[in-house]
Amino acid sequence: MTDKTDQIKGKVQETVGKVTDNEQLEAKGKAEEIKGKASEKADDLGDTIKEKTGELKDKVDGVFNKLVDKVDGKD
């Protein structure tokens, strides 16, 4: 299931649990929703880390190339 699907499924379970006064179903729904949100945040964090790592690599490559040019007398 996708993160959003887990969140929606959890919200539905939580609501049904509240309406039917089923505390176990309500708690299970809350847990499912939290799981979906946490997974979504983890995915977002992973994407951010990949993006920032790529930016850092580009900067390091640029500095390295400038140093190589200086050593080679191309500066």
PDB file of N, CA and C in Angstrom:
ATOM      1  N   MET A   1       0.831  -1.185   0.000  1.00  0.00           N
ATOM      2  CA  MET A   1       0.000   0.000   0.000  1.00  0.00           C
ATOM      3  C   MET A   1       0.874   1.246   0.000  1.00  0.00           C
ATOM      4  N   THR A   2       0.324   2.320  -0.536  1.00  0.00           N
ATOM      5  CA  THR A   2       1.066   3.573  -0.525  1.00  0.00           C
ATOM      6  C   THR A   2       0.895   4.261   0.822  1.00  0.00           C
ATOM      7  N   ASP A   3       1.742   5.237   1.059  1.00  0.00           N
ATOM      8  CA  ASP A   3       1.677   5.970   2.323  1.00  0.00           C
ATOM      9  C   ASP A   3       0.322   6.658   2.494  1.00  0.00           C
ATOM     10  N   LYS A   4      -0.159   7.278   1.423  1.00  0.00           N
ATOM     11  CA  LYS A   4      -1.458   7.965   1.479  1.00  0.00           C
ATOM     12  C   LYS A   4      -2.583   6.961   1.712  1.00  0.00           C
ATOM     13  N   THR A   5      -2.485   5.800   1.090  1.00  0.00           N
ATOM     14  CA  THR A   5      -3.504   4.766   1.278  1.00  0.00           C
ATOM     15  C   THR A   5      -3.537   4.320   2.734  1.00  0.00           C
ATOM     16  N   ASP A   6      -2.364   4.140   3.332  1.00  0.00           N
ATOM     17  CA  ASP A   6      -2.295   3.773   4.752  1.00  0.00           C
ATOM     18  C   ASP A   6      -2.949   4.848   5.618  1.00  0.00           C
ATOM     19  N   GLN A   7      -2.698   6.101   5.275  1.00  0.00           N
ATOM     20  CA  GLN A   7      -3.272   7.197   6.055  1.00  0.00           C
ATOM     21  C   GLN A   7      -4.797   7.216   5.946  1.00  0.00           C
ATOM     22  N   ILE A   8      -5.294   7.053   4.735  1.00  0.00           N
ATOM     23  CA  ILE A   8      -6.748   7.065   4.520  1.00  0.00           C
ATOM     24  C   ILE A   8      -7.391   5.858   5.190  1.00  0.00           C
ATOM     25  N   LYS A   9      -6.789   4.689   5.001  1.00  0.00           N
ATOM     26  CA  LYS A   9      -7.307   3.465   5.628  1.00  0.00           C
ATOM     27  C   LYS A   9      -7.344   3.633   7.146  1.00  0.00           C
ATOM     28  N   GLY A  10      -6.280   4.195   7.687  1.00  0.00           N
ATOM     29  CA  GLY A  10      -6.214   4.409   9.130  1.00  0.00           C
ATOM     30  C   GLY A  10      -7.280   5.367   9.620  1.00  0.00           C
ATOM     31  N   LYS A  11      -7.491   6.446   8.867  1.00  0.00           N
ATOM     32  CA  LYS A  11      -8.498   7.435   9.260  1.00  0.00           C
ATOM     33  C   LYS A  11      -9.893   6.812   9.240  1.00  0.00           C
ATOM     34  N   VAL A  12     -10.150   5.986   8.223  1.00  0.00           N
ATOM     35  CA  VAL A  12     -11.449   5.309   8.131  1.00  0.00           C
ATOM     36  C   VAL A  12     -11.627   4.362   9.318  1.00  0.00           C
ATOM     37  N   GLN A  13     -10.599   3.556   9.616  1.00  0.00           N
ATOM     38  CA  GLN A  13     -10.685   2.634  10.757  1.00  0.00           C
ATOM     39  C   GLN A  13     -10.904   3.405  12.056  1.00  0.00           C
ATOM     40  N   GLU A  14     -10.179   4.489  12.211  1.00  0.00           N
ATOM     41  CA  GLU A  14     -10.316   5.289  13.431  1.00  0.00           C
ATOM     42  C   GLU A  14     -11.745   5.821  13.565  1.00  0.00           C
ATOM     43  N   THR A  15     -12.282   6.335  12.470  1.00  0.00           N
ATOM     44  CA  THR A  15     -13.638   6.887  12.488  1.00  0.00           C
ATOM     45  C   THR A  15     -14.672   5.805  12.779  1.00  0.00           C
ATOM     46  N   VAL A  16     -14.534   4.657  12.118  1.00  0.00           N
ATOM     47  CA  VAL A  16     -15.461   3.545  12.367  1.00  0.00           C
ATOM     48  C   VAL A  16     -15.347   3.101  13.824  1.00  0.00           C
ATOM     49  N   GLY A  17     -14.127   3.056  14.337  1.00  0.00           N
ATOM     50  CA  GLY A  17     -13.925   2.690  15.736  1.00  0.00           C
ATOM     51  C   GLY A  17     -14.610   3.649  16.690  1.00  0.00           C
ATOM     52  N   LYS A  18     -14.536   4.945  16.384  1.00  0.00           N
ATOM     53  CA  LYS A  18     -15.199   5.948  17.228  1.00  0.00           C
ATOM     54  C   LYS A  18     -16.713   5.788  17.173  1.00  0.00           C
ATOM     55  N   VAL A  19     -17.236   5.650  15.949  1.00  0.00           N
ATOM     56  CA  VAL A  19     -18.684   5.552  15.761  1.00  0.00           C
ATOM     57  C   VAL A  19     -19.246   4.295  16.419  1.00  0.00           C
ATOM     58  N   THR A  20     -18.521   3.193  16.343  1.00  0.00           N
ATOM     59  CA  THR A  20     -19.003   1.924  16.896  1.00  0.00           C
ATOM     60  C   THR A  20     -18.537   1.707  18.335  1.00  0.00           C
ATOM     61  N   ASP A  21     -17.833   2.695  18.870  1.00  0.00           N
ATOM     62  CA  ASP A  21     -17.294   2.617  20.234  1.00  0.00           C
ATOM     63  C   ASP A  21     -16.364   1.404  20.393  1.00  0.00           C
ATOM     64  N   ASN A  22     -15.584   1.147  19.346  1.00  0.00           N
ATOM     65  CA  ASN A  22     -14.624   0.047  19.334  1.00  0.00           C
ATOM     66  C   ASN A  22     -13.226   0.651  19.502  1.00  0.00           C
ATOM     67  N   GLU A  23     -12.760   0.675  20.745  1.00  0.00           N
ATOM     68  CA  GLU A  23     -11.481   1.318  21.052  1.00  0.00           C
ATOM     69  C   GLU A  23     -10.305   0.638  20.349  1.00  0.00           C
ATOM     70  N   GLN A  24     -10.378  -0.670  20.202  1.00  0.00           N
ATOM     71  CA  GLN A  24      -9.293  -1.404  19.547  1.00  0.00           C
ATOM     72  C   GLN A  24      -9.181  -0.997  18.074  1.00  0.00           C
ATOM     73  N   LEU A  25     -10.311  -0.921  17.386  1.00  0.00           N
ATOM     74  CA  LEU A  25     -10.308  -0.520  15.980  1.00  0.00           C
ATOM     75  C   LEU A  25      -9.866   0.938  15.837  1.00  0.00           C
ATOM     76  N   GLU A  26     -10.308   1.771  16.754  1.00  0.00           N
ATOM     77  CA  GLU A  26      -9.905   3.180  16.737  1.00  0.00           C
ATOM     78  C   GLU A  26      -8.386   3.313  16.902  1.00  0.00           C
ATOM     79  N   ALA A  27      -7.830   2.570  17.843  1.00  0.00           N
ATOM     80  CA  ALA A  27      -6.379   2.611  18.083  1.00  0.00           C
ATOM     81  C   ALA A  27      -5.610   2.054  16.888  1.00  0.00           C
ATOM     82  N   LYS A  28      -6.138   0.969  16.310  1.00  0.00           N
ATOM     83  CA  LYS A  28      -5.496   0.382  15.132  1.00  0.00           C
ATOM     84  C   LYS A  28      -5.500   1.383  13.975  1.00  0.00           C
ATOM     85  N   GLY A  29      -6.591   2.095  13.832  1.00  0.00           N
ATOM     86  CA  GLY A  29      -6.691   3.111  12.783  1.00  0.00           C
ATOM     87  C   GLY A  29      -5.704   4.243  12.991  1.00  0.00           C
ATOM     88  N   LYS A  30      -5.587   4.708  14.226  1.00  0.00           N
ATOM     89  CA  LYS A  30      -4.620   5.767  14.533  1.00  0.00           C
ATOM     90  C   LYS A  30      -3.202   5.301  14.217  1.00  0.00           C
ATOM     91  N   ALA A  31      -2.899   4.073  14.594  1.00  0.00           N
ATOM     92  CA  ALA A  31      -1.562   3.524  14.342  1.00  0.00           C
ATOM     93  C   ALA A  31      -1.286   3.431  12.841  1.00  0.00           C
ATOM     94  N   GLU A  32      -2.266   2.993  12.075  1.00  0.00           N
ATOM     95  CA  GLU A  32      -2.117   2.876  10.613  1.00  0.00           C
ATOM     96  C   GLU A  32      -1.882   4.250   9.985  1.00  0.00           C
ATOM     97  N   GLU A  33      -2.622   5.230  10.461  1.00  0.00           N
ATOM     98  CA  GLU A  33      -2.471   6.592   9.936  1.00  0.00           C
ATOM     99  C   GLU A  33      -1.082   7.152  10.264  1.00  0.00           C
ATOM    100  N   ILE A  34      -0.639   6.939  11.484  1.00  0.00           N
ATOM    101  CA  ILE A  34       0.691   7.399  11.905  1.00  0.00           C
ATOM    102  C   ILE A  34       1.775   6.697  11.089  1.00  0.00           C
ATOM    103  N   LYS A  35       1.593   5.404  10.860  1.00  0.00           N
ATOM    104  CA  LYS A  35       2.553   4.642  10.046  1.00  0.00           C
ATOM    105  C   LYS A  35       2.662   5.240   8.650  1.00  0.00           C
ATOM    106  N   GLY A  36       1.542   5.572   8.054  1.00  0.00           N
ATOM    107  CA  GLY A  36       1.535   6.167   6.717  1.00  0.00           C
ATOM    108  C   GLY A  36       2.220   7.519   6.689  1.00  0.00           C
ATOM    109  N   LYS A  37       1.943   8.340   7.701  1.00  0.00           N
ATOM    110  CA  LYS A  37       2.572   9.664   7.772  1.00  0.00           C
ATOM    111  C   LYS A  37       4.078   9.546   7.979  1.00  0.00           C
ATOM    112  N   ALA A  38       4.485   8.642   8.855  1.00  0.00           N
ATOM    113  CA  ALA A  38       5.915   8.456   9.128  1.00  0.00           C
ATOM    114  C   ALA A  38       6.645   7.957   7.884  1.00  0.00           C
ATOM    115  N   SER A  39       6.034   7.040   7.174  1.00  0.00           N
ATOM    116  CA  SER A  39       6.640   6.506   5.956  1.00  0.00           C
ATOM    117  C   SER A  39       6.767   7.595   4.891  1.00  0.00           C
ATOM    118  N   GLU A  40       5.745   8.422   4.795  1.00  0.00           N
ATOM    119  CA  GLU A  40       5.776   9.527   3.831  1.00  0.00           C
ATOM    120  C   GLU A  40       6.899  10.510   4.175  1.00  0.00           C
ATOM    121  N   LYS A  41       7.041  10.833   5.453  1.00  0.00           N
ATOM    122  CA  LYS A  41       8.109  11.743   5.897  1.00  0.00           C
ATOM    123  C   LYS A  41       9.482  11.130   5.633  1.00  0.00           C
ATOM    124  N   ALA A  42       9.614   9.837   5.858  1.00  0.00           N
ATOM    125  CA  ALA A  42      10.892   9.160   5.604  1.00  0.00           C
ATOM    126  C   ALA A  42      11.239   9.209   4.115  1.00  0.00           C
ATOM    127  N   ASP A  43      10.242   9.009   3.262  1.00  0.00           N
ATOM    128  CA  ASP A  43      10.463   9.100   1.814  1.00  0.00           C
ATOM    129  C   ASP A  43      10.898  10.510   1.422  1.00  0.00           C
ATOM    130  N   ASP A  44      10.215  11.511   1.993  1.00  0.00           N
ATOM    131  CA  ASP A  44      10.564  12.905   1.713  1.00  0.00           C
ATOM    132  C   ASP A  44      11.990  13.207   2.160  1.00  0.00           C
ATOM    133  N   LEU A  45      12.351  12.709   3.331  1.00  0.00           N
ATOM    134  CA  LEU A  45      13.699  12.928   3.851  1.00  0.00           C
ATOM    135  C   LEU A  45      14.735  12.273   2.946  1.00  0.00           C
ATOM    136  N   GLY A  46      14.449  11.073   2.495  1.00  0.00           N
ATOM    137  CA  GLY A  46      15.358  10.378   1.585  1.00  0.00           C
ATOM    138  C   GLY A  46      15.563  11.164   0.298  1.00  0.00           C
ATOM    139  N   ASP A  47      14.473  11.732  -0.235  1.00  0.00           N
ATOM    140  CA  ASP A  47      14.578  12.544  -1.451  1.00  0.00           C
ATOM    141  C   ASP A  47      15.433  13.783  -1.207  1.00  0.00           C
ATOM    142  N   THR A  48      15.238  14.421  -0.062  1.00  0.00           N
ATOM    143  CA  THR A  48      16.016  15.615   0.279  1.00  0.00           C
ATOM    144  C   THR A  48      17.489  15.273   0.421  1.00  0.00           C
ATOM    145  N   ILE A  49      17.781  14.161   1.063  1.00  0.00           N
ATOM    146  CA  ILE A  49      19.180  13.744   1.238  1.00  0.00           C
ATOM    147  C   ILE A  49      19.829  13.488  -0.121  1.00  0.00           C
ATOM    148  N   LYS A  50      19.123  12.816  -1.018  1.00  0.00           N
ATOM    149  CA  LYS A  50      19.663  12.567  -2.361  1.00  0.00           C
ATOM    150  C   LYS A  50      19.936  13.883  -3.087  1.00  0.00           C
ATOM    151  N   GLU A  51      18.998  14.813  -2.979  1.00  0.00           N
ATOM    152  CA  GLU A  51      19.146  16.108  -3.647  1.00  0.00           C
ATOM    153  C   GLU A  51      20.349  16.872  -3.100  1.00  0.00           C
ATOM    154  N   LYS A  52      20.452  16.945  -1.781  1.00  0.00           N
ATOM    155  CA  LYS A  52      21.549  17.685  -1.150  1.00  0.00           C
ATOM    156  C   LYS A  52      22.894  17.012  -1.415  1.00  0.00           C
ATOM    157  N   THR A  53      22.912  15.693  -1.447  1.00  0.00           N
ATOM    158  CA  THR A  53      24.145  14.965  -1.747  1.00  0.00           C
ATOM    159  C   THR A  53      24.607  15.278  -3.170  1.00  0.00           C
ATOM    160  N   GLY A  54      23.671  15.329  -4.088  1.00  0.00           N
ATOM    161  CA  GLY A  54      24.001  15.681  -5.469  1.00  0.00           C
ATOM    162  C   GLY A  54      24.556  17.092  -5.578  1.00  0.00           C
ATOM    163  N   GLU A  55      23.940  18.034  -4.849  1.00  0.00           N
ATOM    164  CA  GLU A  55      24.424  19.413  -4.851  1.00  0.00           C
ATOM    165  C   GLU A  55      25.838  19.486  -4.282  1.00  0.00           C
ATOM    166  N   LEU A  56      26.071  18.776  -3.193  1.00  0.00           N
ATOM    167  CA  LEU A  56      27.396  18.774  -2.575  1.00  0.00           C
ATOM    168  C   LEU A  56      28.433  18.172  -3.523  1.00  0.00           C
ATOM    169  N   LYS A  57      28.074  17.090  -4.181  1.00  0.00           N
ATOM    170  CA  LYS A  57      28.993  16.458  -5.142  1.00  0.00           C
ATOM    171  C   LYS A  57      29.363  17.440  -6.245  1.00  0.00           C
ATOM    172  N   ASP A  58      28.366  18.167  -6.751  1.00  0.00           N
ATOM    173  CA  ASP A  58      28.635  19.146  -7.807  1.00  0.00           C
ATOM    174  C   ASP A  58      29.602  20.227  -7.328  1.00  0.00           C
ATOM    175  N   LYS A  59      29.417  20.694  -6.098  1.00  0.00           N
ATOM    176  CA  LYS A  59      30.309  21.720  -5.545  1.00  0.00           C
ATOM    177  C   LYS A  59      31.728  21.183  -5.375  1.00  0.00           C
ATOM    178  N   VAL A  60      31.839  19.981  -4.846  1.00  0.00           N
ATOM    179  CA  VAL A  60      33.161  19.369  -4.653  1.00  0.00           C
ATOM    180  C   VAL A  60      33.841  19.165  -6.007  1.00  0.00           C
ATOM    181  N   ASP A  61      33.089  18.702  -6.994  1.00  0.00           N
ATOM    182  CA  ASP A  61      33.650  18.528  -8.341  1.00  0.00           C
ATOM    183  C   ASP A  61      34.153  19.856  -8.896  1.00  0.00           C
ATOM    184  N   GLY A  62      33.393  20.925  -8.672  1.00  0.00           N
ATOM    185  CA  GLY A  62      33.795  22.242  -9.151  1.00  0.00           C
ATOM    186  C   GLY A  62      35.083  22.711  -8.510  1.00  0.00           C
ATOM    187  N   VAL A  63      35.185  22.557  -7.195  1.00  0.00           N
ATOM    188  CA  VAL A  63      36.403  22.948  -6.480  1.00  0.00           C
ATOM    189  C   VAL A  63      37.576  22.096  -6.948  1.00  0.00           C
ATOM    190  N   PHE A  64      37.361  20.817  -7.075  1.00  0.00           N
ATOM    191  CA  PHE A  64      38.422  19.909  -7.525  1.00  0.00           C
ATOM    192  C   PHE A  64      38.922  20.307  -8.916  1.00  0.00           C
ATOM    193  N   ASN A  65      37.992  20.586  -9.810  1.00  0.00           N
ATOM    194  CA  ASN A  65      38.380  20.965 -11.172  1.00  0.00           C
ATOM    195  C   ASN A  65      39.166  22.277 -11.187  1.00  0.00           C
ATOM    196  N   LYS A  66      38.788  23.230 -10.334  1.00  0.00           N
ATOM    197  CA  LYS A  66      39.535  24.487 -10.237  1.00  0.00           C
ATOM    198  C   LYS A  66      40.956  24.228  -9.744  1.00  0.00           C
ATOM    199  N   LEU A  67      41.084  23.348  -8.765  1.00  0.00           N
ATOM    200  CA  LEU A  67      42.416  23.016  -8.249  1.00  0.00           C
ATOM    201  C   LEU A  67      43.268  22.339  -9.316  1.00  0.00           C
ATOM    202  N   VAL A  68      42.675  21.430 -10.049  1.00  0.00           N
ATOM    203  CA  VAL A  68      43.398  20.740 -11.120  1.00  0.00           C
ATOM    204  C   VAL A  68      43.844  21.756 -12.173  1.00  0.00           C
ATOM    205  N   ASP A  69      42.965  22.697 -12.510  1.00  0.00           N
ATOM    206  CA  ASP A  69      43.322  23.726 -13.489  1.00  0.00           C
ATOM    207  C   ASP A  69      44.486  24.580 -12.991  1.00  0.00           C
ATOM    208  N   LYS A  70      44.481  24.914 -11.689  1.00  0.00           N
ATOM    209  CA  LYS A  70      45.585  25.701 -11.122  1.00  0.00           C
ATOM    210  C   LYS A  70      46.890  24.923 -11.200  1.00  0.00           C
ATOM    211  N   VAL A  71      46.836  23.662 -10.847  1.00  0.00           N
ATOM    212  CA  VAL A  71      48.040  22.824 -10.866  1.00  0.00           C
ATOM    213  C   VAL A  71      48.549  22.679 -12.304  1.00  0.00           C
ATOM    214  N   ASP A  72      47.633  22.559 -13.245  1.00  0.00           N
ATOM    215  CA  ASP A  72      48.007  22.399 -14.653  1.00  0.00           C
ATOM    216  C   ASP A  72      48.353  23.731 -15.320  1.00  0.00           C
ATOM    217  N   GLY A  73      48.190  24.835 -14.587  1.00  0.00           N
ATOM    218  CA  GLY A  73      48.498  26.149 -15.127  1.00  0.00           C
ATOM    219  C   GLY A  73      47.459  26.680 -16.092  1.00  0.00           C
ATOM    220  N   LYS A  74      46.244  26.169 -16.014  1.00  0.00           N
ATOM    221  CA  LYS A  74      45.170  26.616 -16.911  1.00  0.00           C
ATOM    222  C   LYS A  74      44.373  27.765 -16.314  1.00  0.00           C
ATOM    223  N   ASP A  75      44.704  28.152 -15.126  1.00  0.00           N
ATOM    224  CA  ASP A  75      43.948  29.202 -14.444  1.00  0.00           C
ATOM    225  C   ASP A  75      44.322  30.561 -14.925  1.00  0.00           C
TER     226      ASP A  75
END
